[in-house]
Amino acid sequence: MIRLFLPLLMLGVGPVAVVEEPMPTDALMRTLAEGDLAQARGDQAALAAAADNLKLLGARPAEGQDNLSTLWSQQAQAGGAVHAGPVYRGRALGPAYRRGSLAAGGRVTLRQLFLAGQRAQISVARATGIAASLSVRVRNADGGTLCAKPVAAPQADCAWLPLFTERYAIEIENGGSAPATFYLVIR
């Protein structure tokens, strides 16, 4: 009897496919992806290293976002990782990052001030191992599109030189049929 049901039970249980995508080329995006992956795998040493790297890169969370460096460091220590901390202090100013999630068909618009004459850059990456149909668009204060791209592996980058200090709209859209998690880095 067990032999009859065992093949039926095995039909519902299969190996879980892990999507291996290239890591982002941007150092901050790569650090966020490595931390996410270390957290998912329960690799406390790699999580501590990602926390340190985030500090060394001088990144800080966008307003209302968790400080992943602190969070990952605490999780790694609670998991038994020996955490030496960064070798030197990071910069006082640096890039900002945001981790977000969008429902299927969802869209988020963020407004960010960029200074005239200083290079502006944003990067968007899907969370590691999650296939999603994300796109990013940057609009100026007049509504003109500066950049519109799909977010493909490993990341999508938009860069421009603002002529005037003004707020720009950063729109991230999930055109897929499943929820999606992403990282946004603003420089």
N, C-alpha and C. Protein backbone atom coordinates (compact mmCIF):
# COMPACT_ATOMS: atom_id res chain seq x y z
N MET A 1 0.81 -1.19 0.00
CA MET A 1 0.00 0.00 0.00
C MET A 1 0.87 1.26 0.00
N ILE A 2 1.92 1.25 0.81
CA ILE A 2 2.83 2.38 0.86
C ILE A 2 3.49 2.58 -0.50
N ARG A 3 3.81 1.48 -1.17
CA ARG A 3 4.45 1.58 -2.48
C ARG A 3 3.51 2.23 -3.50
N LEU A 4 2.21 2.07 -3.33
CA LEU A 4 1.26 2.67 -4.25
C LEU A 4 1.16 4.18 -4.05
N PHE A 5 1.21 4.62 -2.81
CA PHE A 5 1.04 6.04 -2.51
C PHE A 5 2.35 6.84 -2.56
N LEU A 6 3.47 6.18 -2.37
CA LEU A 6 4.75 6.89 -2.36
C LEU A 6 5.00 7.64 -3.67
N PRO A 7 4.79 7.04 -4.85
CA PRO A 7 4.99 7.81 -6.08
C PRO A 7 4.05 9.00 -6.19
N LEU A 8 2.82 8.85 -5.69
CA LEU A 8 1.88 9.97 -5.73
C LEU A 8 2.33 11.11 -4.83
N LEU A 9 2.87 10.76 -3.68
CA LEU A 9 3.38 11.79 -2.77
C LEU A 9 4.58 12.50 -3.37
N MET A 10 5.41 11.77 -4.07
CA MET A 10 6.62 12.35 -4.65
C MET A 10 6.30 13.31 -5.80
N LEU A 11 5.13 13.15 -6.43
CA LEU A 11 4.75 14.07 -7.51
C LEU A 11 4.60 15.49 -7.00
N GLY A 12 4.13 15.65 -5.79
CA GLY A 12 3.92 16.98 -5.23
C GLY A 12 5.18 17.58 -4.65
N VAL A 13 6.21 16.78 -4.48
CA VAL A 13 7.45 17.27 -3.89
C VAL A 13 8.53 17.22 -4.95
N GLY A 14 9.05 18.35 -5.29
CA GLY A 14 10.11 18.41 -6.28
C GLY A 14 11.20 19.33 -5.81
N PRO A 15 12.32 19.29 -6.48
CA PRO A 15 13.39 20.19 -6.08
C PRO A 15 13.00 21.64 -6.34
N VAL A 16 13.42 22.49 -5.46
CA VAL A 16 13.14 23.91 -5.59
C VAL A 16 14.22 24.52 -6.47
N ALA A 17 13.80 25.19 -7.52
CA ALA A 17 14.75 25.80 -8.45
C ALA A 17 15.14 27.18 -7.92
N VAL A 18 16.42 27.40 -7.79
CA VAL A 18 16.93 28.70 -7.36
C VAL A 18 17.42 29.42 -8.60
N VAL A 19 16.90 30.61 -8.81
CA VAL A 19 17.29 31.39 -9.97
C VAL A 19 18.63 32.05 -9.67
N GLU A 20 19.65 31.68 -10.44
CA GLU A 20 20.96 32.28 -10.26
C GLU A 20 21.12 33.38 -11.30
N GLU A 21 21.13 34.62 -10.88
CA GLU A 21 21.31 35.75 -11.77
C GLU A 21 22.65 36.38 -11.48
N PRO A 22 23.20 37.09 -12.45
CA PRO A 22 24.45 37.80 -12.18
C PRO A 22 24.25 38.83 -11.07
N MET A 23 25.27 39.01 -10.27
CA MET A 23 25.19 40.02 -9.21
C MET A 23 25.29 41.40 -9.86
N PRO A 24 24.65 42.40 -9.26
CA PRO A 24 24.75 43.76 -9.79
C PRO A 24 26.20 44.23 -9.85
N THR A 25 26.48 45.11 -10.81
CA THR A 25 27.84 45.61 -10.97
C THR A 25 28.15 46.76 -10.02
N ASP A 26 27.15 47.51 -9.63
CA ASP A 26 27.33 48.62 -8.70
C ASP A 26 27.68 48.07 -7.32
N ALA A 27 28.70 48.63 -6.68
CA ALA A 27 29.17 48.11 -5.39
C ALA A 27 28.08 48.12 -4.32
N LEU A 28 27.30 49.18 -4.25
CA LEU A 28 26.25 49.26 -3.24
C LEU A 28 25.13 48.27 -3.54
N MET A 29 24.72 48.20 -4.81
CA MET A 29 23.68 47.23 -5.19
C MET A 29 24.15 45.80 -4.91
N ARG A 30 25.40 45.51 -5.23
CA ARG A 30 25.95 44.17 -5.00
C ARG A 30 25.96 43.85 -3.51
N THR A 31 26.33 44.82 -2.67
CA THR A 31 26.34 44.62 -1.22
C THR A 31 24.93 44.34 -0.70
N LEU A 32 23.94 45.08 -1.19
CA LEU A 32 22.55 44.84 -0.78
C LEU A 32 22.09 43.45 -1.20
N ALA A 33 22.44 43.05 -2.42
CA ALA A 33 22.06 41.72 -2.91
C ALA A 33 22.77 40.62 -2.12
N GLU A 34 24.06 40.82 -1.82
CA GLU A 34 24.81 39.82 -1.04
C GLU A 34 24.23 39.69 0.37
N GLY A 35 23.84 40.80 0.97
CA GLY A 35 23.23 40.75 2.30
C GLY A 35 21.90 40.03 2.27
N ASP A 36 21.10 40.31 1.25
CA ASP A 36 19.81 39.63 1.09
C ASP A 36 20.02 38.12 0.94
N LEU A 37 20.99 37.74 0.12
CA LEU A 37 21.28 36.33 -0.12
C LEU A 37 21.80 35.66 1.15
N ALA A 38 22.69 36.34 1.87
CA ALA A 38 23.22 35.79 3.13
C ALA A 38 22.11 35.60 4.15
N GLN A 39 21.19 36.55 4.20
CA GLN A 39 20.07 36.45 5.13
C GLN A 39 19.17 35.26 4.76
N ALA A 40 18.91 35.09 3.47
CA ALA A 40 18.06 33.98 3.02
C ALA A 40 18.71 32.63 3.28
N ARG A 41 20.04 32.56 3.17
CA ARG A 41 20.76 31.30 3.37
C ARG A 41 21.10 31.05 4.83
N GLY A 42 20.94 32.05 5.69
CA GLY A 42 21.30 31.90 7.09
C GLY A 42 22.80 31.92 7.31
N ASP A 43 23.54 32.55 6.39
CA ASP A 43 25.00 32.64 6.46
C ASP A 43 25.36 33.88 7.28
N GLN A 44 25.57 33.70 8.58
CA GLN A 44 25.78 34.82 9.50
C GLN A 44 27.09 35.57 9.22
N ALA A 45 28.14 34.86 8.84
CA ALA A 45 29.42 35.52 8.55
C ALA A 45 29.29 36.42 7.33
N ALA A 46 28.62 35.94 6.29
CA ALA A 46 28.42 36.75 5.08
C ALA A 46 27.50 37.93 5.37
N LEU A 47 26.53 37.73 6.26
CA LEU A 47 25.62 38.81 6.65
C LEU A 47 26.39 39.91 7.39
N ALA A 48 27.29 39.51 8.28
CA ALA A 48 28.13 40.49 9.00
C ALA A 48 29.03 41.25 8.02
N ALA A 49 29.58 40.53 7.04
CA ALA A 49 30.44 41.18 6.04
C ALA A 49 29.64 42.19 5.21
N ALA A 50 28.42 41.83 4.85
CA ALA A 50 27.58 42.76 4.08
C ALA A 50 27.24 43.99 4.91
N ALA A 51 26.98 43.81 6.21
CA ALA A 51 26.70 44.94 7.10
C ALA A 51 27.90 45.88 7.15
N ASP A 52 29.10 45.31 7.28
CA ASP A 52 30.32 46.12 7.31
C ASP A 52 30.53 46.86 5.99
N ASN A 53 30.32 46.15 4.88
CA ASN A 53 30.51 46.77 3.57
C ASN A 53 29.54 47.92 3.35
N LEU A 54 28.32 47.76 3.83
CA LEU A 54 27.33 48.82 3.70
C LEU A 54 27.80 50.08 4.45
N LYS A 55 28.38 49.89 5.63
CA LYS A 55 28.93 51.02 6.40
C LYS A 55 30.11 51.65 5.66
N LEU A 56 31.00 50.80 5.13
CA LEU A 56 32.19 51.31 4.45
C LEU A 56 31.84 52.09 3.19
N LEU A 57 30.76 51.71 2.53
CA LEU A 57 30.34 52.43 1.33
C LEU A 57 29.70 53.78 1.67
N GLY A 58 29.43 54.01 2.95
CA GLY A 58 28.85 55.28 3.36
C GLY A 58 27.38 55.40 3.06
N ALA A 59 26.73 54.29 2.77
CA ALA A 59 25.31 54.33 2.43
C ALA A 59 24.46 54.50 3.68
N ARG A 60 23.35 55.17 3.51
CA ARG A 60 22.41 55.35 4.61
C ARG A 60 21.02 55.07 4.07
N PRO A 61 20.10 54.65 4.92
CA PRO A 61 18.75 54.36 4.44
C PRO A 61 18.00 55.64 4.08
N ALA A 62 17.14 55.54 3.09
CA ALA A 62 16.26 56.65 2.77
C ALA A 62 15.29 56.85 3.93
N GLU A 63 14.68 58.00 4.00
CA GLU A 63 13.77 58.32 5.10
C GLU A 63 12.67 57.27 5.22
N GLY A 64 12.48 56.78 6.44
CA GLY A 64 11.44 55.80 6.71
C GLY A 64 11.85 54.36 6.46
N GLN A 65 13.09 54.13 6.06
CA GLN A 65 13.57 52.79 5.77
C GLN A 65 14.43 52.27 6.93
N ASP A 66 14.46 50.96 7.09
CA ASP A 66 15.31 50.35 8.12
C ASP A 66 16.78 50.51 7.74
N ASN A 67 17.63 50.66 8.74
CA ASN A 67 19.06 50.70 8.51
C ASN A 67 19.53 49.25 8.40
N LEU A 68 19.73 48.78 7.17
CA LEU A 68 20.08 47.38 6.95
C LEU A 68 21.44 47.04 7.54
N SER A 69 22.36 47.98 7.57
CA SER A 69 23.67 47.71 8.16
C SER A 69 23.53 47.34 9.63
N THR A 70 22.76 48.11 10.37
CA THR A 70 22.53 47.84 11.79
C THR A 70 21.73 46.55 11.97
N LEU A 71 20.67 46.40 11.19
CA LEU A 71 19.81 45.22 11.29
C LEU A 71 20.59 43.95 10.99
N TRP A 72 21.35 43.95 9.89
CA TRP A 72 22.13 42.76 9.52
C TRP A 72 23.21 42.46 10.54
N SER A 73 23.84 43.50 11.07
CA SER A 73 24.88 43.31 12.08
C SER A 73 24.30 42.65 13.33
N GLN A 74 23.14 43.13 13.77
CA GLN A 74 22.48 42.55 14.95
C GLN A 74 22.07 41.10 14.69
N GLN A 75 21.53 40.82 13.51
CA GLN A 75 21.12 39.46 13.17
C GLN A 75 22.32 38.53 13.12
N ALA A 76 23.43 39.00 12.57
CA ALA A 76 24.63 38.17 12.47
C ALA A 76 25.18 37.86 13.86
N GLN A 77 25.22 38.86 14.73
CA GLN A 77 25.71 38.64 16.09
C GLN A 77 24.78 37.70 16.85
N ALA A 78 23.47 37.86 16.68
CA ALA A 78 22.51 36.97 17.34
C ALA A 78 22.65 35.54 16.83
N GLY A 79 23.10 35.40 15.58
CA GLY A 79 23.30 34.08 14.99
C GLY A 79 24.65 33.48 15.31
N GLY A 80 25.47 34.19 16.09
CA GLY A 80 26.75 33.64 16.52
C GLY A 80 27.95 34.08 15.70
N ALA A 81 27.78 34.98 14.75
CA ALA A 81 28.91 35.43 13.95
C ALA A 81 29.79 36.36 14.78
N VAL A 82 31.10 36.21 14.63
CA VAL A 82 32.05 37.11 15.27
C VAL A 82 32.13 38.34 14.37
N HIS A 83 31.82 39.48 14.94
CA HIS A 83 31.71 40.70 14.15
C HIS A 83 32.76 41.70 14.61
N ALA A 84 33.76 41.91 13.77
CA ALA A 84 34.85 42.81 14.13
C ALA A 84 34.52 44.27 13.85
N GLY A 85 33.55 44.52 12.98
CA GLY A 85 33.20 45.89 12.62
C GLY A 85 34.11 46.41 11.52
N PRO A 86 33.76 47.53 10.95
CA PRO A 86 34.56 48.06 9.85
C PRO A 86 35.93 48.52 10.33
N VAL A 87 36.87 48.51 9.41
CA VAL A 87 38.24 48.90 9.73
C VAL A 87 38.34 50.41 9.93
N TYR A 88 37.63 51.17 9.12
CA TYR A 88 37.67 52.62 9.26
C TYR A 88 36.27 53.19 9.12
N ARG A 89 36.11 54.44 9.52
CA ARG A 89 34.80 55.07 9.48
C ARG A 89 34.42 55.44 8.06
N GLY A 90 33.15 55.35 7.77
CA GLY A 90 32.65 55.70 6.44
C GLY A 90 32.50 57.20 6.30
N ARG A 91 32.14 57.62 5.10
CA ARG A 91 31.92 59.04 4.83
C ARG A 91 30.67 59.54 5.54
N ALA A 92 30.67 60.82 5.88
CA ALA A 92 29.49 61.41 6.53
C ALA A 92 28.31 61.45 5.56
N LEU A 93 28.58 61.74 4.29
CA LEU A 93 27.53 61.76 3.27
C LEU A 93 27.78 60.63 2.31
N GLY A 94 26.75 60.11 1.78
CA GLY A 94 26.91 59.02 0.82
C GLY A 94 25.59 58.72 0.16
N PRO A 95 25.55 57.67 -0.59
CA PRO A 95 24.32 57.32 -1.29
C PRO A 95 23.23 56.86 -0.33
N ALA A 96 21.99 57.00 -0.76
CA ALA A 96 20.85 56.51 0.01
C ALA A 96 20.30 55.27 -0.68
N TYR A 97 19.74 54.36 0.10
CA TYR A 97 19.15 53.17 -0.50
C TYR A 97 17.75 52.97 0.07
N ARG A 98 16.95 52.26 -0.68
CA ARG A 98 15.59 51.95 -0.27
C ARG A 98 15.29 50.54 -0.76
N ARG A 99 14.69 49.75 0.11
CA ARG A 99 14.20 48.43 -0.27
C ARG A 99 12.69 48.52 -0.27
N GLY A 100 12.08 48.05 -1.34
CA GLY A 100 10.63 48.16 -1.43
C GLY A 100 10.01 46.92 -2.04
N SER A 101 8.72 46.82 -1.88
CA SER A 101 7.95 45.72 -2.46
C SER A 101 6.75 46.30 -3.18
N LEU A 102 6.42 45.70 -4.31
CA LEU A 102 5.26 46.12 -5.08
C LEU A 102 4.37 44.92 -5.37
N ALA A 103 3.08 45.11 -5.22
CA ALA A 103 2.12 44.07 -5.59
C ALA A 103 2.10 43.96 -7.12
N ALA A 104 1.55 42.89 -7.63
CA ALA A 104 1.42 42.73 -9.08
C ALA A 104 0.67 43.93 -9.65
N GLY A 105 1.23 44.54 -10.69
CA GLY A 105 0.62 45.71 -11.30
C GLY A 105 0.78 46.99 -10.50
N GLY A 106 1.53 46.94 -9.40
CA GLY A 106 1.70 48.10 -8.52
C GLY A 106 2.73 49.09 -9.04
N ARG A 107 2.64 50.30 -8.52
CA ARG A 107 3.57 51.37 -8.90
C ARG A 107 3.84 52.23 -7.68
N VAL A 108 5.07 52.71 -7.57
CA VAL A 108 5.42 53.65 -6.51
C VAL A 108 6.15 54.82 -7.16
N THR A 109 5.84 56.04 -6.69
CA THR A 109 6.51 57.24 -7.18
C THR A 109 7.17 57.91 -5.99
N LEU A 110 8.47 58.15 -6.11
CA LEU A 110 9.24 58.81 -5.06
C LEU A 110 9.75 60.14 -5.62
N ARG A 111 9.72 61.16 -4.83
CA ARG A 111 10.23 62.47 -5.27
C ARG A 111 11.54 62.72 -4.55
N GLN A 112 12.55 63.09 -5.33
CA GLN A 112 13.88 63.28 -4.78
C GLN A 112 14.48 64.57 -5.33
N LEU A 113 15.09 65.35 -4.45
CA LEU A 113 15.74 66.59 -4.84
C LEU A 113 17.16 66.29 -5.32
N PHE A 114 17.51 66.82 -6.49
CA PHE A 114 18.87 66.69 -7.01
C PHE A 114 19.40 68.09 -7.27
N LEU A 115 20.68 68.30 -6.99
CA LEU A 115 21.31 69.61 -7.08
C LEU A 115 21.80 69.92 -8.49
N ALA A 116 21.65 71.19 -8.89
CA ALA A 116 22.10 71.64 -10.20
C ALA A 116 23.60 71.46 -10.34
N GLY A 117 24.03 71.01 -11.50
CA GLY A 117 25.45 70.89 -11.79
C GLY A 117 26.15 69.70 -11.17
N GLN A 118 25.44 68.88 -10.41
CA GLN A 118 26.04 67.69 -9.81
C GLN A 118 25.41 66.44 -10.42
N ARG A 119 26.25 65.52 -10.84
CA ARG A 119 25.77 64.30 -11.49
C ARG A 119 24.77 63.59 -10.59
N ALA A 120 23.64 63.22 -11.16
CA ALA A 120 22.61 62.48 -10.44
C ALA A 120 22.55 61.08 -11.03
N GLN A 121 22.37 60.09 -10.18
CA GLN A 121 22.28 58.71 -10.66
C GLN A 121 21.38 57.91 -9.74
N ILE A 122 20.55 57.07 -10.35
CA ILE A 122 19.77 56.09 -9.59
C ILE A 122 20.03 54.73 -10.19
N SER A 123 19.92 53.71 -9.37
CA SER A 123 20.06 52.33 -9.82
C SER A 123 18.93 51.53 -9.16
N VAL A 124 18.35 50.61 -9.93
CA VAL A 124 17.29 49.74 -9.43
C VAL A 124 17.66 48.31 -9.76
N ALA A 125 17.52 47.43 -8.78
CA ALA A 125 17.79 46.00 -8.98
C ALA A 125 16.69 45.19 -8.33
N ARG A 126 16.38 44.06 -8.94
CA ARG A 126 15.44 43.12 -8.32
C ARG A 126 16.14 42.45 -7.16
N ALA A 127 15.37 42.07 -6.15
CA ALA A 127 15.94 41.30 -5.04
C ALA A 127 16.47 39.99 -5.60
N THR A 128 17.55 39.49 -5.03
CA THR A 128 18.23 38.30 -5.51
C THR A 128 17.29 37.11 -5.63
N GLY A 129 17.36 36.45 -6.79
CA GLY A 129 16.61 35.21 -7.00
C GLY A 129 15.14 35.38 -7.26
N ILE A 130 14.66 36.61 -7.38
CA ILE A 130 13.23 36.82 -7.61
C ILE A 130 13.04 37.33 -9.03
N ALA A 131 12.39 36.53 -9.86
CA ALA A 131 12.09 36.95 -11.22
C ALA A 131 10.92 37.92 -11.16
N ALA A 132 11.07 39.08 -11.76
CA ALA A 132 10.02 40.09 -11.71
C ALA A 132 10.08 40.93 -12.98
N SER A 133 8.98 41.57 -13.29
CA SER A 133 8.88 42.42 -14.46
C SER A 133 8.80 43.87 -14.00
N LEU A 134 9.93 44.41 -13.56
CA LEU A 134 9.98 45.78 -13.04
C LEU A 134 10.48 46.74 -14.12
N SER A 135 10.05 47.99 -14.01
CA SER A 135 10.57 49.05 -14.88
C SER A 135 10.75 50.31 -14.04
N VAL A 136 11.63 51.18 -14.51
CA VAL A 136 11.91 52.43 -13.81
C VAL A 136 11.79 53.59 -14.80
N ARG A 137 11.29 54.72 -14.32
CA ARG A 137 11.17 55.92 -15.13
C ARG A 137 11.53 57.11 -14.24
N VAL A 138 12.29 58.06 -14.79
CA VAL A 138 12.64 59.29 -14.07
C VAL A 138 12.05 60.45 -14.86
N ARG A 139 11.31 61.31 -14.14
CA ARG A 139 10.69 62.49 -14.77
C ARG A 139 11.17 63.75 -14.05
N ASN A 140 11.33 64.83 -14.84
CA ASN A 140 11.72 66.11 -14.24
C ASN A 140 10.48 66.82 -13.72
N ALA A 141 10.66 68.03 -13.19
CA ALA A 141 9.55 68.77 -12.57
C ALA A 141 8.45 69.10 -13.57
N ASP A 142 8.79 69.21 -14.86
CA ASP A 142 7.81 69.50 -15.90
C ASP A 142 7.10 68.25 -16.40
N GLY A 143 7.48 67.08 -15.90
CA GLY A 143 6.86 65.83 -16.33
C GLY A 143 7.57 65.16 -17.49
N GLY A 144 8.64 65.77 -17.98
CA GLY A 144 9.40 65.18 -19.09
C GLY A 144 10.17 63.96 -18.63
N THR A 145 10.22 62.94 -19.47
CA THR A 145 10.92 61.70 -19.13
C THR A 145 12.40 61.83 -19.44
N LEU A 146 13.24 61.62 -18.44
CA LEU A 146 14.69 61.63 -18.62
C LEU A 146 15.23 60.24 -18.89
N CYS A 147 14.55 59.24 -18.34
CA CYS A 147 15.04 57.87 -18.43
C CYS A 147 13.86 56.93 -18.23
N ALA A 148 13.77 55.89 -19.05
CA ALA A 148 12.74 54.86 -18.89
C ALA A 148 13.36 53.54 -19.33
N LYS A 149 13.42 52.57 -18.40
CA LYS A 149 14.09 51.30 -18.69
C LYS A 149 13.40 50.15 -17.97
N PRO A 150 13.50 48.95 -18.55
CA PRO A 150 13.11 47.76 -17.78
C PRO A 150 14.24 47.44 -16.81
N VAL A 151 13.91 46.86 -15.68
CA VAL A 151 14.93 46.46 -14.71
C VAL A 151 15.30 45.02 -15.02
N ALA A 152 16.39 44.86 -15.77
CA ALA A 152 16.87 43.53 -16.13
C ALA A 152 18.06 43.20 -15.23
N ALA A 153 18.46 41.93 -15.24
CA ALA A 153 19.60 41.51 -14.43
C ALA A 153 20.85 42.15 -15.00
N PRO A 154 21.77 42.64 -14.24
CA PRO A 154 21.74 42.69 -12.80
C PRO A 154 21.07 43.96 -12.25
N GLN A 155 20.98 45.06 -13.04
CA GLN A 155 20.39 46.30 -12.53
C GLN A 155 20.09 47.23 -13.69
N ALA A 156 19.29 48.26 -13.42
CA ALA A 156 19.03 49.33 -14.38
C ALA A 156 19.57 50.62 -13.78
N ASP A 157 20.30 51.39 -14.58
CA ASP A 157 20.90 52.64 -14.13
C ASP A 157 20.37 53.80 -14.95
N CYS A 158 20.13 54.93 -14.31
CA CYS A 158 19.77 56.18 -14.98
C CYS A 158 20.68 57.26 -14.40
N ALA A 159 21.31 58.03 -15.27
CA ALA A 159 22.20 59.11 -14.82
C ALA A 159 21.94 60.35 -15.67
N TRP A 160 22.04 61.53 -15.05
CA TRP A 160 21.85 62.78 -15.75
C TRP A 160 22.51 63.90 -14.97
N LEU A 161 22.62 65.07 -15.61
CA LEU A 161 23.20 66.24 -14.97
C LEU A 161 22.11 67.31 -14.89
N PRO A 162 21.54 67.53 -13.70
CA PRO A 162 20.46 68.52 -13.57
C PRO A 162 20.95 69.94 -13.88
N LEU A 163 20.17 70.66 -14.67
CA LEU A 163 20.50 72.05 -14.96
C LEU A 163 20.05 72.96 -13.82
N PHE A 164 18.98 72.55 -13.14
CA PHE A 164 18.43 73.32 -12.03
C PHE A 164 18.26 72.41 -10.83
N THR A 165 18.35 72.98 -9.63
CA THR A 165 18.05 72.21 -8.42
C THR A 165 16.53 72.07 -8.36
N GLU A 166 16.06 70.84 -8.46
CA GLU A 166 14.62 70.59 -8.43
C GLU A 166 14.34 69.15 -8.05
N ARG A 167 13.07 68.88 -7.80
CA ARG A 167 12.64 67.52 -7.45
C ARG A 167 12.36 66.74 -8.73
N TYR A 168 12.80 65.51 -8.71
CA TYR A 168 12.55 64.59 -9.82
C TYR A 168 11.69 63.45 -9.30
N ALA A 169 10.82 62.93 -10.16
CA ALA A 169 9.96 61.80 -9.80
C ALA A 169 10.62 60.51 -10.28
N ILE A 170 10.80 59.58 -9.37
CA ILE A 170 11.33 58.26 -9.69
C ILE A 170 10.17 57.29 -9.58
N GLU A 171 9.78 56.69 -10.69
CA GLU A 171 8.64 55.78 -10.72
C GLU A 171 9.14 54.35 -10.95
N ILE A 172 8.74 53.45 -10.09
CA ILE A 172 9.07 52.04 -10.25
C ILE A 172 7.75 51.30 -10.37
N GLU A 173 7.64 50.48 -11.41
CA GLU A 173 6.38 49.78 -11.69
C GLU A 173 6.62 48.29 -11.83
N ASN A 174 5.69 47.52 -11.28
CA ASN A 174 5.73 46.06 -11.41
C ASN A 174 4.69 45.66 -12.45
N GLY A 175 5.14 45.34 -13.66
CA GLY A 175 4.24 44.94 -14.73
C GLY A 175 3.94 43.46 -14.72
N GLY A 176 4.45 42.75 -13.74
CA GLY A 176 4.27 41.30 -13.67
C GLY A 176 2.99 40.89 -12.95
N SER A 177 2.80 39.58 -12.88
CA SER A 177 1.60 39.04 -12.24
C SER A 177 1.87 38.55 -10.82
N ALA A 178 3.08 38.79 -10.32
CA ALA A 178 3.45 38.38 -8.96
C ALA A 178 4.07 39.56 -8.22
N PRO A 179 4.01 39.56 -6.90
CA PRO A 179 4.67 40.63 -6.13
C PRO A 179 6.17 40.65 -6.42
N ALA A 180 6.78 41.81 -6.28
CA ALA A 180 8.21 41.95 -6.55
C ALA A 180 8.87 42.81 -5.49
N THR A 181 10.10 42.46 -5.13
CA THR A 181 10.90 43.22 -4.18
C THR A 181 12.08 43.81 -4.95
N PHE A 182 12.45 45.05 -4.60
CA PHE A 182 13.52 45.72 -5.33
C PHE A 182 14.37 46.55 -4.38
N TYR A 183 15.54 46.93 -4.87
CA TYR A 183 16.41 47.90 -4.20
C TYR A 183 16.53 49.11 -5.11
N LEU A 184 16.49 50.30 -4.51
CA LEU A 184 16.72 51.55 -5.22
C LEU A 184 17.89 52.24 -4.54
N VAL A 185 18.89 52.63 -5.33
CA VAL A 185 20.03 53.39 -4.81
C VAL A 185 20.00 54.75 -5.47
N ILE A 186 20.07 55.80 -4.64
CA ILE A 186 20.04 57.18 -5.12
C ILE A 186 21.38 57.81 -4.80
N ARG A 187 22.02 58.35 -5.80
CA ARG A 187 23.32 59.01 -5.62
C ARG A 187 23.21 60.47 -5.99
